[in-house]
Amino acid sequence: MFSFLRQRPAPPKTTEIELDGMTVSVAVKLSNRAKSFRLSLPATGPLLTLPEKARWEDAEAFLHRHRHWLAARLPRQSMAKRLGSDIMLPLRGVEHAVIGSGVLRGRVEVGEDEEGHFINLPGADEHHARRLYDWLKKEALADLTERSAFHAARLGVSVKQIRLRSQASRWGSCSSNGNINYNWRLILAPPFVLDYVAAHEVAHLVEMNHSPAFWATVERTLPDMERGRAWLKAHGRDLMAWQAPKSGA
């Protein structure tokens, strides 16, 4: 009696696990076709698949039992990477040395000298991660807004609003009302990759599915779409490793 009042809570969309002292984000997916738990490693990062009626505590136990399997197959460079100064960071596909400028006020500066490309961060060391993250999001929003408008004009649709997110396993999402969410990490990829994701999400305003008609729409606005798609499959896991600073950082 009253069993409907004791419905199991929905599992989280992502969870975290400690592997060799590093925090790794694992995406969680419910599947009506899955008959057992499954841990996999697609290009977007670790994925834990659950049968629809599975209990979350059982899924957590399964993930914990298979943590050594995951650690052995997850490349070290794909473990969580932290933003800040004194690191090497890809910006639009080009490696940059991130350096503290030593001044408390000022703007983030990007340049190139005899040693290579660099990003200068003003402010105190403890604020560098947040300053870099905020700047990267600003750059990503500018690039994605421009490319989204370009593809929207080609396809005859309108984008209502663009937001940046820190999804653990998705590069973007689009709603039927014209709102698009993008992953801020796209600013780290080469421009043709960012362009592909923008074309992909805008195409959903024409076809809200992944049917052959949808892929034909993507190709219509971006004939070279396979280039960006292939790059993400090969390197997306490395980009997903970059972590946004925690609140207050």
C-alpha atoms as a PDB file:
ATOM      1  CA  MET A   1       0.000   0.000   0.000  1.00  0.00           C
ATOM      2  CA  PHE A   2       1.133   3.525  -0.803  1.00  0.00           C
ATOM      3  CA  SER A   3       4.117   2.113  -2.729  1.00  0.00           C
ATOM      4  CA  PHE A   4       3.828   5.051  -5.104  1.00  0.00           C
ATOM      5  CA  LEU A   5       4.965   7.291  -2.241  1.00  0.00           C
ATOM      6  CA  ARG A   6       8.247   5.400  -2.035  1.00  0.00           C
ATOM      7  CA  GLN A   7       9.468   5.980  -5.575  1.00  0.00           C
ATOM      8  CA  ARG A   8      13.208   5.769  -5.984  1.00  0.00           C
ATOM      9  CA  PRO A   9      14.935   9.115  -6.451  1.00  0.00           C
ATOM     10  CA  ALA A  10      16.398   9.757  -9.889  1.00  0.00           C
ATOM     11  CA  PRO A  11      20.167   9.188 -10.112  1.00  0.00           C
ATOM     12  CA  PRO A  12      22.428  12.215 -10.623  1.00  0.00           C
ATOM     13  CA  LYS A  13      23.481  13.198 -14.134  1.00  0.00           C
ATOM     14  CA  THR A  14      27.134  13.107 -13.059  1.00  0.00           C
ATOM     15  CA  THR A  15      29.106  11.720 -10.165  1.00  0.00           C
ATOM     16  CA  GLU A  16      32.734  11.894  -9.096  1.00  0.00           C
ATOM     17  CA  ILE A  17      35.289   9.294  -8.118  1.00  0.00           C
ATOM     18  CA  GLU A  18      38.820   9.589  -6.751  1.00  0.00           C
ATOM     19  CA  LEU A  19      41.424   7.839  -8.916  1.00  0.00           C
ATOM     20  CA  ASP A  20      45.051   7.989  -7.814  1.00  0.00           C
ATOM     21  CA  GLY A  21      44.441  11.209  -5.929  1.00  0.00           C
ATOM     22  CA  MET A  22      42.610  12.876  -8.847  1.00  0.00           C
ATOM     23  CA  THR A  23      38.911  13.678  -8.979  1.00  0.00           C
ATOM     24  CA  VAL A  24      37.340  12.277 -12.138  1.00  0.00           C
ATOM     25  CA  SER A  25      33.840  13.196 -13.312  1.00  0.00           C
ATOM     26  CA  VAL A  26      31.683  10.303 -14.540  1.00  0.00           C
ATOM     27  CA  ALA A  27      28.538  10.936 -16.574  1.00  0.00           C
ATOM     28  CA  VAL A  28      25.474   8.890 -15.588  1.00  0.00           C
ATOM     29  CA  LYS A  29      22.927   7.627 -18.114  1.00  0.00           C
ATOM     30  CA  LEU A  30      19.684   5.704 -17.694  1.00  0.00           C
ATOM     31  CA  SER A  31      18.889   3.211 -20.458  1.00  0.00           C
ATOM     32  CA  ASN A  32      15.709   1.224 -20.991  1.00  0.00           C
ATOM     33  CA  ARG A  33      17.749  -1.262 -23.029  1.00  0.00           C
ATOM     34  CA  ALA A  34      20.457  -1.885 -20.428  1.00  0.00           C
ATOM     35  CA  LYS A  35      20.027  -5.078 -18.420  1.00  0.00           C
ATOM     36  CA  SER A  36      23.021  -4.489 -16.149  1.00  0.00           C
ATOM     37  CA  PHE A  37      25.422  -1.758 -15.110  1.00  0.00           C
ATOM     38  CA  ARG A  38      28.027  -0.781 -17.681  1.00  0.00           C
ATOM     39  CA  LEU A  39      31.105   1.429 -17.350  1.00  0.00           C
ATOM     40  CA  SER A  40      32.542   2.722 -20.632  1.00  0.00           C
ATOM     41  CA  LEU A  41      35.001   5.326 -21.845  1.00  0.00           C
ATOM     42  CA  PRO A  42      33.684   7.242 -24.884  1.00  0.00           C
ATOM     43  CA  ALA A  43      35.472  10.323 -26.247  1.00  0.00           C
ATOM     44  CA  THR A  44      33.501  12.634 -23.959  1.00  0.00           C
ATOM     45  CA  GLY A  45      34.775  10.884 -20.825  1.00  0.00           C
ATOM     46  CA  PRO A  46      33.780   8.092 -18.407  1.00  0.00           C
ATOM     47  CA  LEU A  47      30.146   6.986 -18.677  1.00  0.00           C
ATOM     48  CA  LEU A  48      28.170   4.852 -16.218  1.00  0.00           C
ATOM     49  CA  THR A  49      25.036   3.330 -17.770  1.00  0.00           C
ATOM     50  CA  LEU A  50      22.220   2.118 -15.522  1.00  0.00           C
ATOM     51  CA  PRO A  51      19.095   0.038 -16.181  1.00  0.00           C
ATOM     52  CA  GLU A  52      16.005   2.194 -15.688  1.00  0.00           C
ATOM     53  CA  LYS A  53      14.901   0.565 -12.424  1.00  0.00           C
ATOM     54  CA  ALA A  54      18.346   0.251 -10.855  1.00  0.00           C
ATOM     55  CA  ARG A  55      19.065   1.636  -7.398  1.00  0.00           C
ATOM     56  CA  TRP A  56      21.651   4.416  -7.284  1.00  0.00           C
ATOM     57  CA  GLU A  57      23.436   2.903  -4.273  1.00  0.00           C
ATOM     58  CA  ASP A  58      23.989  -0.285  -6.296  1.00  0.00           C
ATOM     59  CA  ALA A  59      25.331   1.779  -9.200  1.00  0.00           C
ATOM     60  CA  GLU A  60      27.758   3.582  -6.887  1.00  0.00           C
ATOM     61  CA  ALA A  61      28.971   0.254  -5.534  1.00  0.00           C
ATOM     62  CA  PHE A  62      29.488  -1.031  -9.092  1.00  0.00           C
ATOM     63  CA  LEU A  63      31.495   2.074  -9.995  1.00  0.00           C
ATOM     64  CA  HIS A  64      33.634   1.720  -6.882  1.00  0.00           C
ATOM     65  CA  ARG A  65      34.348  -1.952  -7.631  1.00  0.00           C
ATOM     66  CA  HIS A  66      35.506  -1.035 -11.143  1.00  0.00           C
ATOM     67  CA  ARG A  67      37.577   2.035 -10.224  1.00  0.00           C
ATOM     68  CA  HIS A  68      40.847   0.193 -10.932  1.00  0.00           C
ATOM     69  CA  TRP A  69      39.577  -0.791 -14.394  1.00  0.00           C
ATOM     70  CA  LEU A  70      38.801   2.854 -15.098  1.00  0.00           C
ATOM     71  CA  ALA A  71      42.097   4.147 -13.705  1.00  0.00           C
ATOM     72  CA  ALA A  72      44.058   1.723 -15.878  1.00  0.00           C
ATOM     73  CA  ARG A  73      42.309   2.866 -19.059  1.00  0.00           C
ATOM     74  CA  LEU A  74      41.979   6.585 -18.424  1.00  0.00           C
ATOM     75  CA  PRO A  75      45.103   8.350 -19.724  1.00  0.00           C
ATOM     76  CA  ARG A  76      46.872  10.456 -17.135  1.00  0.00           C
ATOM     77  CA  GLN A  77      46.534  13.520 -19.346  1.00  0.00           C
ATOM     78  CA  SER A  78      42.788  13.014 -19.319  1.00  0.00           C
ATOM     79  CA  MET A  79      42.540  13.225 -15.539  1.00  0.00           C
ATOM     80  CA  ALA A  80      41.207  16.429 -14.052  1.00  0.00           C
ATOM     81  CA  LYS A  81      43.234  19.439 -15.146  1.00  0.00           C
ATOM     82  CA  ARG A  82      43.101  22.630 -13.126  1.00  0.00           C
ATOM     83  CA  LEU A  83      43.059  26.170 -14.415  1.00  0.00           C
ATOM     84  CA  GLY A  84      45.508  28.695 -13.015  1.00  0.00           C
ATOM     85  CA  SER A  85      48.903  30.214 -13.695  1.00  0.00           C
ATOM     86  CA  ASP A  86      52.109  28.319 -14.534  1.00  0.00           C
ATOM     87  CA  ILE A  87      50.306  25.827 -16.762  1.00  0.00           C
ATOM     88  CA  MET A  88      50.147  25.074 -20.469  1.00  0.00           C
ATOM     89  CA  LEU A  89      46.647  25.577 -21.847  1.00  0.00           C
ATOM     90  CA  PRO A  90      45.248  25.152 -25.364  1.00  0.00           C
ATOM     91  CA  LEU A  91      43.472  28.270 -26.604  1.00  0.00           C
ATOM     92  CA  ARG A  92      41.653  27.860 -29.920  1.00  0.00           C
ATOM     93  CA  GLY A  93      43.805  24.780 -30.465  1.00  0.00           C
ATOM     94  CA  VAL A  94      47.188  26.465 -29.822  1.00  0.00           C
ATOM     95  CA  GLU A  95      49.205  25.755 -26.680  1.00  0.00           C
ATOM     96  CA  HIS A  96      49.709  28.842 -24.501  1.00  0.00           C
ATOM     97  CA  ALA A  97      51.836  29.312 -21.404  1.00  0.00           C
ATOM     98  CA  VAL A  98      49.651  30.864 -18.681  1.00  0.00           C
ATOM     99  CA  ILE A  99      51.698  33.311 -16.621  1.00  0.00           C
ATOM    100  CA  GLY A 100      50.932  35.568 -13.687  1.00  0.00           C
ATOM    101  CA  SER A 101      51.737  39.127 -14.788  1.00  0.00           C
ATOM    102  CA  GLY A 102      52.686  40.262 -11.296  1.00  0.00           C
ATOM    103  CA  VAL A 103      50.312  43.248 -11.335  1.00  0.00           C
ATOM    104  CA  LEU A 104      47.154  43.336  -9.253  1.00  0.00           C
ATOM    105  CA  ARG A 105      44.954  45.125 -11.769  1.00  0.00           C
ATOM    106  CA  GLY A 106      44.616  45.032 -15.496  1.00  0.00           C
ATOM    107  CA  ARG A 107      43.295  42.945 -18.345  1.00  0.00           C
ATOM    108  CA  VAL A 108      44.122  39.425 -19.452  1.00  0.00           C
ATOM    109  CA  GLU A 109      46.643  39.708 -22.278  1.00  0.00           C
ATOM    110  CA  VAL A 110      47.352  37.216 -25.046  1.00  0.00           C
ATOM    111  CA  GLY A 111      50.536  37.408 -27.077  1.00  0.00           C
ATOM    112  CA  GLU A 112      53.494  35.666 -28.631  1.00  0.00           C
ATOM    113  CA  ASP A 113      57.225  36.058 -28.098  1.00  0.00           C
ATOM    114  CA  GLU A 114      60.360  34.113 -28.954  1.00  0.00           C
ATOM    115  CA  GLU A 115      59.333  31.379 -26.497  1.00  0.00           C
ATOM    116  CA  GLY A 116      55.856  30.887 -27.940  1.00  0.00           C
ATOM    117  CA  HIS A 117      52.279  31.888 -27.205  1.00  0.00           C
ATOM    118  CA  PHE A 118      51.313  33.151 -23.750  1.00  0.00           C
ATOM    119  CA  ILE A 119      48.405  34.378 -21.632  1.00  0.00           C
ATOM    120  CA  ASN A 120      49.212  36.950 -18.947  1.00  0.00           C
ATOM    121  CA  LEU A 121      46.915  36.966 -15.905  1.00  0.00           C
ATOM    122  CA  PRO A 122      46.725  39.973 -13.569  1.00  0.00           C
ATOM    123  CA  GLY A 123      45.729  39.686  -9.926  1.00  0.00           C
ATOM    124  CA  ALA A 124      46.853  37.682  -6.922  1.00  0.00           C
ATOM    125  CA  ASP A 125      47.837  34.049  -7.435  1.00  0.00           C
ATOM    126  CA  GLU A 126      44.824  32.730  -5.528  1.00  0.00           C
ATOM    127  CA  HIS A 127      42.491  34.458  -7.991  1.00  0.00           C
ATOM    128  CA  HIS A 128      44.188  33.320 -11.196  1.00  0.00           C
ATOM    129  CA  ALA A 129      42.013  30.230 -11.724  1.00  0.00           C
ATOM    130  CA  ARG A 130      38.780  32.212 -11.481  1.00  0.00           C
ATOM    131  CA  ARG A 131      40.160  35.092 -13.579  1.00  0.00           C
ATOM    132  CA  LEU A 132      41.239  32.695 -16.334  1.00  0.00           C
ATOM    133  CA  TYR A 133      37.949  30.801 -16.249  1.00  0.00           C
ATOM    134  CA  ASP A 134      35.873  33.968 -16.516  1.00  0.00           C
ATOM    135  CA  TRP A 135      38.008  35.200 -19.401  1.00  0.00           C
ATOM    136  CA  LEU A 136      37.787  31.886 -21.256  1.00  0.00           C
ATOM    137  CA  LYS A 137      34.000  31.922 -20.937  1.00  0.00           C
ATOM    138  CA  LYS A 138      33.873  35.470 -22.297  1.00  0.00           C
ATOM    139  CA  GLU A 139      35.978  34.450 -25.297  1.00  0.00           C
ATOM    140  CA  ALA A 140      33.896  31.310 -25.836  1.00  0.00           C
ATOM    141  CA  LEU A 141      30.640  33.247 -25.693  1.00  0.00           C
ATOM    142  CA  ALA A 142      31.861  35.741 -28.286  1.00  0.00           C
ATOM    143  CA  ASP A 143      33.019  33.020 -30.708  1.00  0.00           C
ATOM    144  CA  LEU A 144      29.934  30.848 -30.241  1.00  0.00           C
ATOM    145  CA  THR A 145      27.547  33.775 -30.587  1.00  0.00           C
ATOM    146  CA  GLU A 146      29.158  34.758 -33.880  1.00  0.00           C
ATOM    147  CA  ARG A 147      29.177  31.240 -35.327  1.00  0.00           C
ATOM    148  CA  SER A 148      25.646  30.499 -34.119  1.00  0.00           C
ATOM    149  CA  ALA A 149      24.348  33.647 -35.830  1.00  0.00           C
ATOM    150  CA  PHE A 150      26.181  32.662 -39.003  1.00  0.00           C
ATOM    151  CA  HIS A 151      24.613  29.198 -39.175  1.00  0.00           C
ATOM    152  CA  ALA A 152      21.199  30.465 -38.074  1.00  0.00           C
ATOM    153  CA  ALA A 153      21.186  32.895 -40.992  1.00  0.00           C
ATOM    154  CA  ARG A 154      22.168  30.114 -43.418  1.00  0.00           C
ATOM    155  CA  LEU A 155      19.417  27.822 -42.147  1.00  0.00           C
ATOM    156  CA  GLY A 156      16.734  30.488 -41.764  1.00  0.00           C
ATOM    157  CA  VAL A 157      16.197  30.060 -38.014  1.00  0.00           C
ATOM    158  CA  SER A 158      16.573  32.297 -34.959  1.00  0.00           C
ATOM    159  CA  VAL A 159      18.649  31.708 -31.846  1.00  0.00           C
ATOM    160  CA  LYS A 160      16.954  33.204 -28.803  1.00  0.00           C
ATOM    161  CA  GLN A 161      19.647  32.935 -26.161  1.00  0.00           C
ATOM    162  CA  ILE A 162      23.097  31.408 -25.729  1.00  0.00           C
ATOM    163  CA  ARG A 163      24.439  30.255 -22.382  1.00  0.00           C
ATOM    164  CA  LEU A 164      27.666  28.576 -21.346  1.00  0.00           C
ATOM    165  CA  ARG A 165      27.689  25.491 -19.157  1.00  0.00           C
ATOM    166  CA  SER A 166      30.264  23.124 -17.709  1.00  0.00           C
ATOM    167  CA  GLN A 167      28.646  19.871 -18.810  1.00  0.00           C
ATOM    168  CA  ALA A 168      30.616  16.754 -18.001  1.00  0.00           C
ATOM    169  CA  SER A 169      29.698  14.844 -21.147  1.00  0.00           C
ATOM    170  CA  ARG A 170      28.007  17.181 -23.628  1.00  0.00           C
ATOM    171  CA  TRP A 171      29.313  19.855 -25.967  1.00  0.00           C
ATOM    172  CA  GLY A 172      25.970  21.543 -26.380  1.00  0.00           C
ATOM    173  CA  SER A 173      22.218  21.284 -26.156  1.00  0.00           C
ATOM    174  CA  CYS A 174      19.359  23.046 -27.903  1.00  0.00           C
ATOM    175  CA  SER A 175      15.729  23.563 -26.908  1.00  0.00           C
ATOM    176  CA  SER A 176      12.850  24.019 -29.308  1.00  0.00           C
ATOM    177  CA  ASN A 177      12.310  27.595 -28.082  1.00  0.00           C
ATOM    178  CA  GLY A 178      15.672  28.683 -29.484  1.00  0.00           C
ATOM    179  CA  ASN A 179      17.855  28.527 -26.377  1.00  0.00           C
ATOM    180  CA  ILE A 180      21.274  26.910 -26.838  1.00  0.00           C
ATOM    181  CA  ASN A 181      23.714  25.805 -24.145  1.00  0.00           C
ATOM    182  CA  TYR A 182      27.367  25.326 -25.046  1.00  0.00           C
ATOM    183  CA  ASN A 183      30.292  23.860 -23.152  1.00  0.00           C
ATOM    184  CA  TRP A 184      32.836  26.580 -22.287  1.00  0.00           C
ATOM    185  CA  ARG A 185      35.693  24.163 -23.075  1.00  0.00           C
ATOM    186  CA  LEU A 186      35.040  24.612 -26.801  1.00  0.00           C
ATOM    187  CA  ILE A 187      37.247  27.728 -26.695  1.00  0.00           C
ATOM    188  CA  LEU A 188      40.171  25.358 -26.059  1.00  0.00           C
ATOM    189  CA  ALA A 189      39.593  23.495 -29.336  1.00  0.00           C
ATOM    190  CA  PRO A 190      40.583  24.613 -32.851  1.00  0.00           C
ATOM    191  CA  PRO A 191      38.054  27.063 -34.356  1.00  0.00           C
ATOM    192  CA  PHE A 192      36.741  24.501 -36.866  1.00  0.00           C
ATOM    193  CA  VAL A 193      35.684  22.306 -33.926  1.00  0.00           C
ATOM    194  CA  LEU A 194      33.786  25.111 -32.220  1.00  0.00           C
ATOM    195  CA  ASP A 195      32.211  25.897 -35.592  1.00  0.00           C
ATOM    196  CA  TYR A 196      31.047  22.297 -35.978  1.00  0.00           C
ATOM    197  CA  VAL A 197      29.345  22.272 -32.569  1.00  0.00           C
ATOM    198  CA  ALA A 198      27.655  25.594 -33.330  1.00  0.00           C
ATOM    199  CA  ALA A 199      26.389  24.224 -36.656  1.00  0.00           C
ATOM    200  CA  HIS A 200      25.225  21.042 -34.917  1.00  0.00           C
ATOM    201  CA  GLU A 201      23.208  22.816 -32.242  1.00  0.00           C
ATOM    202  CA  VAL A 202      21.694  25.413 -34.593  1.00  0.00           C
ATOM    203  CA  ALA A 203      20.658  22.588 -36.937  1.00  0.00           C
ATOM    204  CA  HIS A 204      18.508  21.231 -34.105  1.00  0.00           C
ATOM    205  CA  LEU A 205      16.276  24.268 -34.575  1.00  0.00           C
ATOM    206  CA  VAL A 206      15.384  22.700 -37.927  1.00  0.00           C
ATOM    207  CA  GLU A 207      15.431  19.033 -36.869  1.00  0.00           C
ATOM    208  CA  MET A 208      15.085  18.232 -33.136  1.00  0.00           C
ATOM    209  CA  ASN A 209      16.576  14.761 -33.547  1.00  0.00           C
ATOM    210  CA  HIS A 210      19.598  12.969 -34.992  1.00  0.00           C
ATOM    211  CA  SER A 211      17.883  11.610 -38.063  1.00  0.00           C
ATOM    212  CA  PRO A 212      19.456  11.547 -41.542  1.00  0.00           C
ATOM    213  CA  ALA A 213      17.541  14.776 -42.200  1.00  0.00           C
ATOM    214  CA  PHE A 214      19.293  16.379 -39.228  1.00  0.00           C
ATOM    215  CA  TRP A 215      22.777  15.419 -40.431  1.00  0.00           C
ATOM    216  CA  ALA A 216      21.902  16.667 -43.902  1.00  0.00           C
ATOM    217  CA  THR A 217      20.973  19.996 -42.308  1.00  0.00           C
ATOM    218  CA  VAL A 218      24.307  20.216 -40.489  1.00  0.00           C
ATOM    219  CA  GLU A 219      26.140  19.455 -43.719  1.00  0.00           C
ATOM    220  CA  ARG A 220      24.087  22.049 -45.571  1.00  0.00           C
ATOM    221  CA  THR A 221      25.383  24.838 -43.360  1.00  0.00           C
ATOM    222  CA  LEU A 222      28.821  23.276 -42.772  1.00  0.00           C
ATOM    223  CA  PRO A 223      29.915  21.044 -45.686  1.00  0.00           C
ATOM    224  CA  ASP A 224      33.164  20.165 -43.858  1.00  0.00           C
ATOM    225  CA  MET A 225      31.344  19.020 -40.708  1.00  0.00           C
ATOM    226  CA  GLU A 226      33.153  15.662 -40.529  1.00  0.00           C
ATOM    227  CA  ARG A 227      36.433  17.414 -39.777  1.00  0.00           C
ATOM    228  CA  GLY A 228      35.175  18.866 -36.501  1.00  0.00           C
ATOM    229  CA  ARG A 229      33.195  15.775 -35.625  1.00  0.00           C
ATOM    230  CA  ALA A 230      36.234  13.533 -36.061  1.00  0.00           C
ATOM    231  CA  TRP A 231      38.449  15.863 -34.001  1.00  0.00           C
ATOM    232  CA  LEU A 232      36.041  15.735 -31.070  1.00  0.00           C
ATOM    233  CA  LYS A 233      35.911  11.953 -31.182  1.00  0.00           C
ATOM    234  CA  ALA A 234      39.696  11.805 -31.086  1.00  0.00           C
ATOM    235  CA  HIS A 235      40.459  14.602 -28.613  1.00  0.00           C
ATOM    236  CA  GLY A 236      37.247  15.446 -26.791  1.00  0.00           C
ATOM    237  CA  ARG A 237      38.230  13.463 -23.710  1.00  0.00           C
ATOM    238  CA  ASP A 238      41.316  15.617 -23.205  1.00  0.00           C
ATOM    239  CA  LEU A 239      39.259  18.826 -23.340  1.00  0.00           C
ATOM    240  CA  MET A 240      36.688  17.479 -20.880  1.00  0.00           C
ATOM    241  CA  ALA A 241      39.506  16.987 -18.366  1.00  0.00           C
ATOM    242  CA  TRP A 242      39.799  20.761 -17.832  1.00  0.00           C
ATOM    243  CA  GLN A 243      37.824  21.669 -14.730  1.00  0.00           C
ATOM    244  CA  ALA A 244      36.073  24.904 -13.843  1.00  0.00           C
ATOM    245  CA  PRO A 245      37.250  26.300 -10.500  1.00  0.00           C
ATOM    246  CA  LYS A 246      35.000  25.643  -7.567  1.00  0.00           C
ATOM    247  CA  SER A 247      32.748  28.440  -6.364  1.00  0.00           C
ATOM    248  CA  GLY A 248      34.695  30.972  -4.385  1.00  0.00           C
ATOM    249  CA  ALA A 249      38.016  29.983  -5.980  1.00  0.00           C
END
